[in-house]
PDB file of N, CA and C in Angstrom:
ATOM      1  N   MET A   1       0.822  -1.201   0.000  1.00  0.00           N
ATOM      2  CA  MET A   1       0.000   0.000   0.000  1.00  0.00           C
ATOM      3  C   MET A   1       0.865   1.263   0.000  1.00  0.00           C
ATOM      4  N   LEU A   2       1.880   1.300   0.853  1.00  0.00           N
ATOM      5  CA  LEU A   2       2.730   2.486   0.953  1.00  0.00           C
ATOM      6  C   LEU A   2       3.404   2.792  -0.378  1.00  0.00           C
ATOM      7  N   GLY A   3       3.977   1.782  -1.002  1.00  0.00           N
ATOM      8  CA  GLY A   3       4.648   1.997  -2.279  1.00  0.00           C
ATOM      9  C   GLY A   3       3.704   2.526  -3.341  1.00  0.00           C
ATOM     10  N   THR A   4       2.499   1.995  -3.374  1.00  0.00           N
ATOM     11  CA  THR A   4       1.488   2.443  -4.333  1.00  0.00           C
ATOM     12  C   THR A   4       1.122   3.895  -4.085  1.00  0.00           C
ATOM     13  N   ARG A   5       0.937   4.245  -2.819  1.00  0.00           N
ATOM     14  CA  ARG A   5       0.573   5.635  -2.485  1.00  0.00           C
ATOM     15  C   ARG A   5       1.694   6.601  -2.868  1.00  0.00           C
ATOM     16  N   ILE A   6       2.933   6.220  -2.587  1.00  0.00           N
ATOM     17  CA  ILE A   6       4.056   7.091  -2.943  1.00  0.00           C
ATOM     18  C   ILE A   6       4.074   7.320  -4.454  1.00  0.00           C
ATOM     19  N   LYS A   7       3.936   6.243  -5.214  1.00  0.00           N
ATOM     20  CA  LYS A   7       3.973   6.354  -6.673  1.00  0.00           C
ATOM     21  C   LYS A   7       2.813   7.190  -7.197  1.00  0.00           C
ATOM     22  N   GLU A   8       1.602   6.953  -6.683  1.00  0.00           N
ATOM     23  CA  GLU A   8       0.432   7.715  -7.123  1.00  0.00           C
ATOM     24  C   GLU A   8       0.606   9.203  -6.836  1.00  0.00           C
ATOM     25  N   LEU A   9       1.037   9.518  -5.624  1.00  0.00           N
ATOM     26  CA  LEU A   9       1.212  10.919  -5.259  1.00  0.00           C
ATOM     27  C   LEU A   9       2.323  11.568  -6.069  1.00  0.00           C
ATOM     28  N   ARG A  10       3.407  10.844  -6.263  1.00  0.00           N
ATOM     29  CA  ARG A  10       4.519  11.390  -7.056  1.00  0.00           C
ATOM     30  C   ARG A  10       4.031  11.770  -8.446  1.00  0.00           C
ATOM     31  N   LYS A  11       3.248  10.885  -9.059  1.00  0.00           N
ATOM     32  CA  LYS A  11       2.739  11.153 -10.402  1.00  0.00           C
ATOM     33  C   LYS A  11       1.728  12.291 -10.395  1.00  0.00           C
ATOM     34  N   GLU A  12       0.854  12.336  -9.368  1.00  0.00           N
ATOM     35  CA  GLU A  12      -0.117  13.425  -9.278  1.00  0.00           C
ATOM     36  C   GLU A  12       0.575  14.777  -9.146  1.00  0.00           C
ATOM     37  N   PHE A  13       1.701  14.795  -8.471  1.00  0.00           N
ATOM     38  CA  PHE A  13       2.451  16.037  -8.300  1.00  0.00           C
ATOM     39  C   PHE A  13       3.354  16.323  -9.496  1.00  0.00           C
ATOM     40  N   GLY A  14       3.349  15.411 -10.479  1.00  0.00           N
ATOM     41  CA  GLY A  14       4.146  15.612 -11.685  1.00  0.00           C
ATOM     42  C   GLY A  14       5.640  15.505 -11.443  1.00  0.00           C
ATOM     43  N   LEU A  15       6.027  14.680 -10.490  1.00  0.00           N
ATOM     44  CA  LEU A  15       7.439  14.526 -10.157  1.00  0.00           C
ATOM     45  C   LEU A  15       7.985  13.225 -10.724  1.00  0.00           C
ATOM     46  N   SER A  16       9.190  13.271 -11.220  1.00  0.00           N
ATOM     47  CA  SER A  16       9.893  12.047 -11.601  1.00  0.00           C
ATOM     48  C   SER A  16      10.493  11.452 -10.329  1.00  0.00           C
ATOM     49  N   GLN A  17      10.967  10.231 -10.424  1.00  0.00           N
ATOM     50  CA  GLN A  17      11.642   9.625  -9.278  1.00  0.00           C
ATOM     51  C   GLN A  17      12.888  10.432  -8.907  1.00  0.00           C
ATOM     52  N   VAL A  18      13.570  10.944  -9.904  1.00  0.00           N
ATOM     53  CA  VAL A  18      14.772  11.753  -9.651  1.00  0.00           C
ATOM     54  C   VAL A  18      14.407  13.036  -8.905  1.00  0.00           C
ATOM     55  N   GLU A  19      13.329  13.690  -9.324  1.00  0.00           N
ATOM     56  CA  GLU A  19      12.917  14.933  -8.664  1.00  0.00           C
ATOM     57  C   GLU A  19      12.498  14.688  -7.213  1.00  0.00           C
ATOM     58  N   LEU A  20      11.738  13.611  -6.986  1.00  0.00           N
ATOM     59  CA  LEU A  20      11.358  13.292  -5.613  1.00  0.00           C
ATOM     60  C   LEU A  20      12.584  12.925  -4.794  1.00  0.00           C
ATOM     61  N   ALA A  21      13.495  12.188  -5.382  1.00  0.00           N
ATOM     62  CA  ALA A  21      14.728  11.817  -4.685  1.00  0.00           C
ATOM     63  C   ALA A  21      15.507  13.058  -4.264  1.00  0.00           C
ATOM     64  N   THR A  22      15.565  14.039  -5.139  1.00  0.00           N
ATOM     65  CA  THR A  22      16.268  15.284  -4.818  1.00  0.00           C
ATOM     66  C   THR A  22      15.606  15.980  -3.636  1.00  0.00           C
ATOM     67  N   ARG A  23      14.283  16.065  -3.664  1.00  0.00           N
ATOM     68  CA  ARG A  23      13.558  16.704  -2.548  1.00  0.00           C
ATOM     69  C   ARG A  23      13.761  15.962  -1.235  1.00  0.00           C
ATOM     70  N   MET A  24      13.834  14.636  -1.316  1.00  0.00           N
ATOM     71  CA  MET A  24      13.969  13.818  -0.114  1.00  0.00           C
ATOM     72  C   MET A  24      15.428  13.599   0.285  1.00  0.00           C
ATOM     73  N   GLU A  25      16.345  14.053  -0.560  1.00  0.00           N
ATOM     74  CA  GLU A  25      17.781  13.892  -0.330  1.00  0.00           C
ATOM     75  C   GLU A  25      18.168  12.414  -0.219  1.00  0.00           C
ATOM     76  N   VAL A  26      17.622  11.643  -1.158  1.00  0.00           N
ATOM     77  CA  VAL A  26      17.962  10.221  -1.295  1.00  0.00           C
ATOM     78  C   VAL A  26      18.249   9.966  -2.773  1.00  0.00           C
ATOM     79  N   THR A  27      18.559   8.721  -3.118  1.00  0.00           N
ATOM     80  CA  THR A  27      18.815   8.395  -4.514  1.00  0.00           C
ATOM     81  C   THR A  27      17.531   8.003  -5.229  1.00  0.00           C
ATOM     82  N   LYS A  28      17.576   8.046  -6.556  1.00  0.00           N
ATOM     83  CA  LYS A  28      16.458   7.581  -7.367  1.00  0.00           C
ATOM     84  C   LYS A  28      16.159   6.126  -7.055  1.00  0.00           C
ATOM     85  N   GLN A  29      17.205   5.333  -6.836  1.00  0.00           N
ATOM     86  CA  GLN A  29      17.037   3.916  -6.515  1.00  0.00           C
ATOM     87  C   GLN A  29      16.241   3.731  -5.224  1.00  0.00           C
ATOM     88  N   THR A  30      16.457   4.614  -4.265  1.00  0.00           N
ATOM     89  CA  THR A  30      15.705   4.533  -3.013  1.00  0.00           C
ATOM     90  C   THR A  30      14.223   4.740  -3.275  1.00  0.00           C
ATOM     91  N   ILE A  31      13.890   5.747  -4.088  1.00  0.00           N
ATOM     92  CA  ILE A  31      12.489   6.006  -4.428  1.00  0.00           C
ATOM     93  C   ILE A  31      11.902   4.788  -5.137  1.00  0.00           C
ATOM     94  N   SER A  32      12.638   4.241  -6.084  1.00  0.00           N
ATOM     95  CA  SER A  32      12.190   3.059  -6.794  1.00  0.00           C
ATOM     96  C   SER A  32      11.942   1.896  -5.833  1.00  0.00           C
ATOM     97  N   ASN A  33      12.851   1.695  -4.899  1.00  0.00           N
ATOM     98  CA  ASN A  33      12.698   0.627  -3.916  1.00  0.00           C
ATOM     99  C   ASN A  33      11.482   0.841  -3.026  1.00  0.00           C
ATOM    100  N   TRP A  34      11.221   2.089  -2.636  1.00  0.00           N
ATOM    101  CA  TRP A  34      10.022   2.374  -1.844  1.00  0.00           C
ATOM    102  C   TRP A  34       8.768   2.048  -2.651  1.00  0.00           C
ATOM    103  N   GLU A  35       8.740   2.520  -3.895  1.00  0.00           N
ATOM    104  CA  GLU A  35       7.560   2.321  -4.728  1.00  0.00           C
ATOM    105  C   GLU A  35       7.310   0.847  -5.033  1.00  0.00           C
ATOM    106  N   ASN A  36       8.366   0.077  -5.183  1.00  0.00           N
ATOM    107  CA  ASN A  36       8.229  -1.351  -5.458  1.00  0.00           C
ATOM    108  C   ASN A  36       8.142  -2.191  -4.186  1.00  0.00           C
ATOM    109  N   GLU A  37       8.155  -1.500  -3.050  1.00  0.00           N
ATOM    110  CA  GLU A  37       8.051  -2.125  -1.729  1.00  0.00           C
ATOM    111  C   GLU A  37       9.156  -3.135  -1.463  1.00  0.00           C
ATOM    112  N   ASN A  38      10.335  -2.850  -2.019  1.00  0.00           N
ATOM    113  CA  ASN A  38      11.518  -3.654  -1.711  1.00  0.00           C
ATOM    114  C   ASN A  38      12.072  -3.281  -0.339  1.00  0.00           C
ATOM    115  N   ILE A  39      11.956  -1.989  -0.010  1.00  0.00           N
ATOM    116  CA  ILE A  39      12.350  -1.495   1.311  1.00  0.00           C
ATOM    117  C   ILE A  39      11.296  -0.490   1.753  1.00  0.00           C
ATOM    118  N   GLN A  40      11.258  -0.227   3.050  1.00  0.00           N
ATOM    119  CA  GLN A  40      10.327   0.751   3.612  1.00  0.00           C
ATOM    120  C   GLN A  40      11.105   1.991   4.040  1.00  0.00           C
ATOM    121  N   PRO A  41      10.513   3.169   3.854  1.00  0.00           N
ATOM    122  CA  PRO A  41      11.196   4.381   4.336  1.00  0.00           C
ATOM    123  C   PRO A  41      11.238   4.403   5.860  1.00  0.00           C
ATOM    124  N   SER A  42      12.258   5.047   6.384  1.00  0.00           N
ATOM    125  CA  SER A  42      12.345   5.234   7.833  1.00  0.00           C
ATOM    126  C   SER A  42      11.198   6.139   8.278  1.00  0.00           C
ATOM    127  N   ILE A  43      11.005   6.224   9.569  1.00  0.00           N
ATOM    128  CA  ILE A  43       9.959   7.106  10.093  1.00  0.00           C
ATOM    129  C   ILE A  43      10.222   8.542   9.673  1.00  0.00           C
ATOM    130  N   ASP A  44      11.468   8.974   9.748  1.00  0.00           N
ATOM    131  CA  ASP A  44      11.811  10.336   9.328  1.00  0.00           C
ATOM    132  C   ASP A  44      11.484  10.563   7.855  1.00  0.00           C
ATOM    133  N   MET A  45      11.786   9.574   7.021  1.00  0.00           N
ATOM    134  CA  MET A  45      11.496   9.690   5.594  1.00  0.00           C
ATOM    135  C   MET A  45       9.985   9.668   5.334  1.00  0.00           C
ATOM    136  N   LEU A  46       9.248   8.869   6.106  1.00  0.00           N
ATOM    137  CA  LEU A  46       7.791   8.815   5.982  1.00  0.00           C
ATOM    138  C   LEU A  46       7.186  10.178   6.289  1.00  0.00           C
ATOM    139  N   VAL A  47       7.664  10.795   7.348  1.00  0.00           N
ATOM    140  CA  VAL A  47       7.196  12.141   7.701  1.00  0.00           C
ATOM    141  C   VAL A  47       7.581  13.124   6.603  1.00  0.00           C
ATOM    142  N   GLY A  48       8.787  12.996   6.065  1.00  0.00           N
ATOM    143  CA  GLY A  48       9.221  13.862   4.970  1.00  0.00           C
ATOM    144  C   GLY A  48       8.340  13.710   3.741  1.00  0.00           C
ATOM    145  N   LEU A  49       7.978  12.474   3.409  1.00  0.00           N
ATOM    146  CA  LEU A  49       7.084  12.238   2.269  1.00  0.00           C
ATOM    147  C   LEU A  49       5.722  12.883   2.511  1.00  0.00           C
ATOM    148  N   ALA A  50       5.210  12.732   3.733  1.00  0.00           N
ATOM    149  CA  ALA A  50       3.929  13.341   4.069  1.00  0.00           C
ATOM    150  C   ALA A  50       3.994  14.858   3.891  1.00  0.00           C
ATOM    151  N   ASN A  51       5.109  15.453   4.265  1.00  0.00           N
ATOM    152  CA  ASN A  51       5.276  16.900   4.108  1.00  0.00           C
ATOM    153  C   ASN A  51       5.382  17.304   2.644  1.00  0.00           C
ATOM    154  N   VAL A  52       6.128  16.546   1.860  1.00  0.00           N
ATOM    155  CA  VAL A  52       6.277  16.858   0.439  1.00  0.00           C
ATOM    156  C   VAL A  52       4.917  16.806  -0.261  1.00  0.00           C
ATOM    157  N   PHE A  53       4.135  15.778   0.056  1.00  0.00           N
ATOM    158  CA  PHE A  53       2.852  15.589  -0.618  1.00  0.00           C
ATOM    159  C   PHE A  53       1.684  16.223   0.118  1.00  0.00           C
ATOM    160  N   ASN A  54       1.959  16.824   1.276  1.00  0.00           N
ATOM    161  CA  ASN A  54       0.940  17.510   2.062  1.00  0.00           C
ATOM    162  C   ASN A  54      -0.228  16.581   2.405  1.00  0.00           C
ATOM    163  N   VAL A  55       0.109  15.373   2.849  1.00  0.00           N
ATOM    164  CA  VAL A  55      -0.879  14.402   3.300  1.00  0.00           C
ATOM    165  C   VAL A  55      -0.441  13.894   4.678  1.00  0.00           C
ATOM    166  N   THR A  56      -1.309  13.110   5.299  1.00  0.00           N
ATOM    167  CA  THR A  56      -0.940  12.541   6.595  1.00  0.00           C
ATOM    168  C   THR A  56      -0.143  11.255   6.394  1.00  0.00           C
ATOM    169  N   THR A  57       0.589  10.890   7.419  1.00  0.00           N
ATOM    170  CA  THR A  57       1.287   9.608   7.372  1.00  0.00           C
ATOM    171  C   THR A  57       0.272   8.467   7.347  1.00  0.00           C
ATOM    172  N   ASP A  58      -0.872   8.652   7.996  1.00  0.00           N
ATOM    173  CA  ASP A  58      -1.923   7.629   7.948  1.00  0.00           C
ATOM    174  C   ASP A  58      -2.375   7.383   6.518  1.00  0.00           C
ATOM    175  N   TYR A  59      -2.490   8.447   5.739  1.00  0.00           N
ATOM    176  CA  TYR A  59      -2.879   8.279   4.335  1.00  0.00           C
ATOM    177  C   TYR A  59      -1.812   7.488   3.580  1.00  0.00           C
ATOM    178  N   LEU A  60      -0.557   7.843   3.788  1.00  0.00           N
ATOM    179  CA  LEU A  60       0.524   7.123   3.112  1.00  0.00           C
ATOM    180  C   LEU A  60       0.524   5.641   3.475  1.00  0.00           C
ATOM    181  N   LEU A  61       0.240   5.343   4.725  1.00  0.00           N
ATOM    182  CA  LEU A  61       0.281   3.965   5.203  1.00  0.00           C
ATOM    183  C   LEU A  61      -0.990   3.175   4.882  1.00  0.00           C
ATOM    184  N   GLY A  62      -1.992   3.854   4.324  1.00  0.00           N
ATOM    185  CA  GLY A  62      -3.237   3.168   3.986  1.00  0.00           C
ATOM    186  C   GLY A  62      -4.179   3.023   5.160  1.00  0.00           C
ATOM    187  N   LEU A  63      -3.928   3.744   6.248  1.00  0.00           N
ATOM    188  CA  LEU A  63      -4.813   3.699   7.409  1.00  0.00           C
ATOM    189  C   LEU A  63      -5.983   4.669   7.263  1.00  0.00           C
ATOM    190  N   ASP A  64      -5.879   5.571   6.327  1.00  0.00           N
ATOM    191  CA  ASP A  64      -6.912   6.554   6.040  1.00  0.00           C
ATOM    192  C   ASP A  64      -6.994   6.687   4.531  1.00  0.00           C
ATOM    193  N   ASP A  65      -8.183   6.604   3.990  1.00  0.00           N
ATOM    194  CA  ASP A  65      -8.335   6.681   2.535  1.00  0.00           C
ATOM    195  C   ASP A  65      -8.620   8.088   2.026  1.00  0.00           C
ATOM    196  N   VAL A  66      -8.696   9.039   2.937  1.00  0.00           N
ATOM    197  CA  VAL A  66      -8.974  10.414   2.533  1.00  0.00           C
ATOM    198  C   VAL A  66      -7.717  11.246   2.739  1.00  0.00           C
ATOM    199  N   PRO A  67      -7.113  11.717   1.641  1.00  0.00           N
ATOM    200  CA  PRO A  67      -5.936  12.577   1.827  1.00  0.00           C
ATOM    201  C   PRO A  67      -6.354  13.884   2.492  1.00  0.00           C
ATOM    202  N   ARG A  68      -5.602  14.320   3.430  1.00  0.00           N
ATOM    203  CA  ARG A  68      -5.893  15.558   4.164  1.00  0.00           C
ATOM    204  C   ARG A  68      -4.934  16.647   3.721  1.00  0.00           C
ATOM    205  N   LEU A  69      -5.437  17.845   3.666  1.00  0.00           N
ATOM    206  CA  LEU A  69      -4.617  18.997   3.325  1.00  0.00           C
ATOM    207  C   LEU A  69      -4.252  19.708   4.622  1.00  0.00           C
ATOM    208  N   SER A  70      -2.989  19.771   4.923  1.00  0.00           N
ATOM    209  CA  SER A  70      -2.545  20.433   6.142  1.00  0.00           C
ATOM    210  C   SER A  70      -2.426  21.934   5.913  1.00  0.00           C
ATOM    211  N   ILE A  71      -3.064  22.692   6.791  1.00  0.00           N
ATOM    212  CA  ILE A  71      -2.962  24.156   6.708  1.00  0.00           C
ATOM    213  C   ILE A  71      -2.224  24.700   7.931  1.00  0.00           C
ATOM    214  N   GLU A  72      -1.528  23.806   8.605  1.00  0.00           N
ATOM    215  CA  GLU A  72      -0.789  24.186   9.798  1.00  0.00           C
ATOM    216  C   GLU A  72       0.184  25.311   9.492  1.00  0.00           C
ATOM    217  N   GLY A  73       0.161  26.318  10.345  1.00  0.00           N
ATOM    218  CA  GLY A  73       1.081  27.436  10.200  1.00  0.00           C
ATOM    219  C   GLY A  73       0.585  28.552   9.298  1.00  0.00           C
ATOM    220  N   LEU A  74      -0.568  28.340   8.642  1.00  0.00           N
ATOM    221  CA  LEU A  74      -1.122  29.383   7.779  1.00  0.00           C
ATOM    222  C   LEU A  74      -2.088  30.258   8.577  1.00  0.00           C
ATOM    223  N   PRO A  75      -2.149  31.548   8.257  1.00  0.00           N
ATOM    224  CA  PRO A  75      -3.137  32.402   8.920  1.00  0.00           C
ATOM    225  C   PRO A  75      -4.555  31.926   8.596  1.00  0.00           C
ATOM    226  N   LEU A  76      -5.492  32.163   9.490  1.00  0.00           N
ATOM    227  CA  LEU A  76      -6.876  31.732   9.286  1.00  0.00           C
ATOM    228  C   LEU A  76      -7.484  32.312   8.015  1.00  0.00           C
ATOM    229  N   SER A  77      -7.060  33.507   7.635  1.00  0.00           N
ATOM    230  CA  SER A  77      -7.600  34.097   6.400  1.00  0.00           C
ATOM    231  C   SER A  77      -7.207  33.263   5.188  1.00  0.00           C
ATOM    232  N   PHE A  78      -6.012  32.687   5.201  1.00  0.00           N
ATOM    233  CA  PHE A  78      -5.586  31.815   4.106  1.00  0.00           C
ATOM    234  C   PHE A  78      -6.438  30.546   4.082  1.00  0.00           C
ATOM    235  N   ALA A  79      -6.723  30.010   5.273  1.00  0.00           N
ATOM    236  CA  ALA A  79      -7.551  28.806   5.364  1.00  0.00           C
ATOM    237  C   ALA A  79      -8.921  29.062   4.763  1.00  0.00           C
ATOM    238  N   ALA A  80      -9.480  30.225   5.003  1.00  0.00           N
ATOM    239  CA  ALA A  80     -10.792  30.565   4.441  1.00  0.00           C
ATOM    240  C   ALA A  80     -10.726  30.627   2.923  1.00  0.00           C
ATOM    241  N   HIS A  81      -9.666  31.201   2.392  1.00  0.00           N
ATOM    242  CA  HIS A  81      -9.502  31.266   0.933  1.00  0.00           C
ATOM    243  C   HIS A  81      -9.362  29.859   0.343  1.00  0.00           C
ATOM    244  N   LEU A  82      -8.580  29.021   0.997  1.00  0.00           N
ATOM    245  CA  LEU A  82      -8.407  27.648   0.517  1.00  0.00           C
ATOM    246  C   LEU A  82      -9.724  26.884   0.560  1.00  0.00           C
ATOM    247  N   ALA A  83     -10.508  27.091   1.603  1.00  0.00           N
ATOM    248  CA  ALA A  83     -11.810  26.430   1.700  1.00  0.00           C
ATOM    249  C   ALA A  83     -12.708  26.854   0.545  1.00  0.00           C
ATOM    250  N   GLN A  84     -12.656  28.122   0.179  1.00  0.00           N
ATOM    251  CA  GLN A  84     -13.473  28.601  -0.940  1.00  0.00           C
ATOM    252  C   GLN A  84     -13.004  28.008  -2.269  1.00  0.00           C
ATOM    253  N   ILE A  85     -11.713  27.917  -2.454  1.00  0.00           N
ATOM    254  CA  ILE A  85     -11.170  27.305  -3.678  1.00  0.00           C
ATOM    255  C   ILE A  85     -11.609  25.853  -3.778  1.00  0.00           C
ATOM    256  N   ILE A  86     -11.533  25.130  -2.666  1.00  0.00           N
ATOM    257  CA  ILE A  86     -11.961  23.731  -2.663  1.00  0.00           C
ATOM    258  C   ILE A  86     -13.432  23.630  -3.019  1.00  0.00           C
ATOM    259  N   GLU A  87     -14.256  24.487  -2.460  1.00  0.00           N
ATOM    260  CA  GLU A  87     -15.685  24.466  -2.766  1.00  0.00           C
ATOM    261  C   GLU A  87     -15.926  24.779  -4.238  1.00  0.00           C
ATOM    262  N   ASP A  88     -15.184  25.710  -4.800  1.00  0.00           N
ATOM    263  CA  ASP A  88     -15.319  26.044  -6.223  1.00  0.00           C
ATOM    264  C   ASP A  88     -14.998  24.817  -7.081  1.00  0.00           C
ATOM    265  N   PHE A  89     -13.953  24.068  -6.719  1.00  0.00           N
ATOM    266  CA  PHE A  89     -13.601  22.858  -7.471  1.00  0.00           C
ATOM    267  C   PHE A  89     -14.691  21.809  -7.356  1.00  0.00           C
ATOM    268  N   ARG A  90     -15.271  21.674  -6.183  1.00  0.00           N
ATOM    269  CA  ARG A  90     -16.352  20.692  -6.001  1.00  0.00           C
ATOM    270  C   ARG A  90     -17.540  21.011  -6.907  1.00  0.00           C
ATOM    271  N   GLN A  91     -17.818  22.274  -7.099  1.00  0.00           N
ATOM    272  CA  GLN A  91     -18.947  22.670  -7.932  1.00  0.00           C
ATOM    273  C   GLN A  91     -18.677  22.414  -9.411  1.00  0.00           C
ATOM    274  N   LEU A  92     -17.396  22.322  -9.792  1.00  0.00           N
ATOM    275  CA  LEU A  92     -17.051  22.026 -11.189  1.00  0.00           C
ATOM    276  C   LEU A  92     -17.316  20.584 -11.560  1.00  0.00           C
ATOM    277  N   GLU A  93     -17.332  19.707 -10.572  1.00  0.00           N
ATOM    278  CA  GLU A  93     -17.496  18.267 -10.846  1.00  0.00           C
ATOM    279  C   GLU A  93     -18.852  17.945 -11.306  1.00  0.00           C
TER     280      GLU A  93
END
């Protein structure tokens, strides 16, 4: 599940394995190994992936099927704007 989520999110963000590796300060091979579930990322790397993709670690691990958008550290006025943008997208569907 974790490898699938990493790969799906990487593609949704339009990142190559090399680009994600650069952001995570690991090798392309490491990203490939995570995606193919040959190895598991450390806890620190899992948290880093969650930050890069702006999702929870629970989502990455398959414990939650709803990706969450973290607005931690943003002023409340920004949160209100983001909520409106999300609602606008929902109305487009």
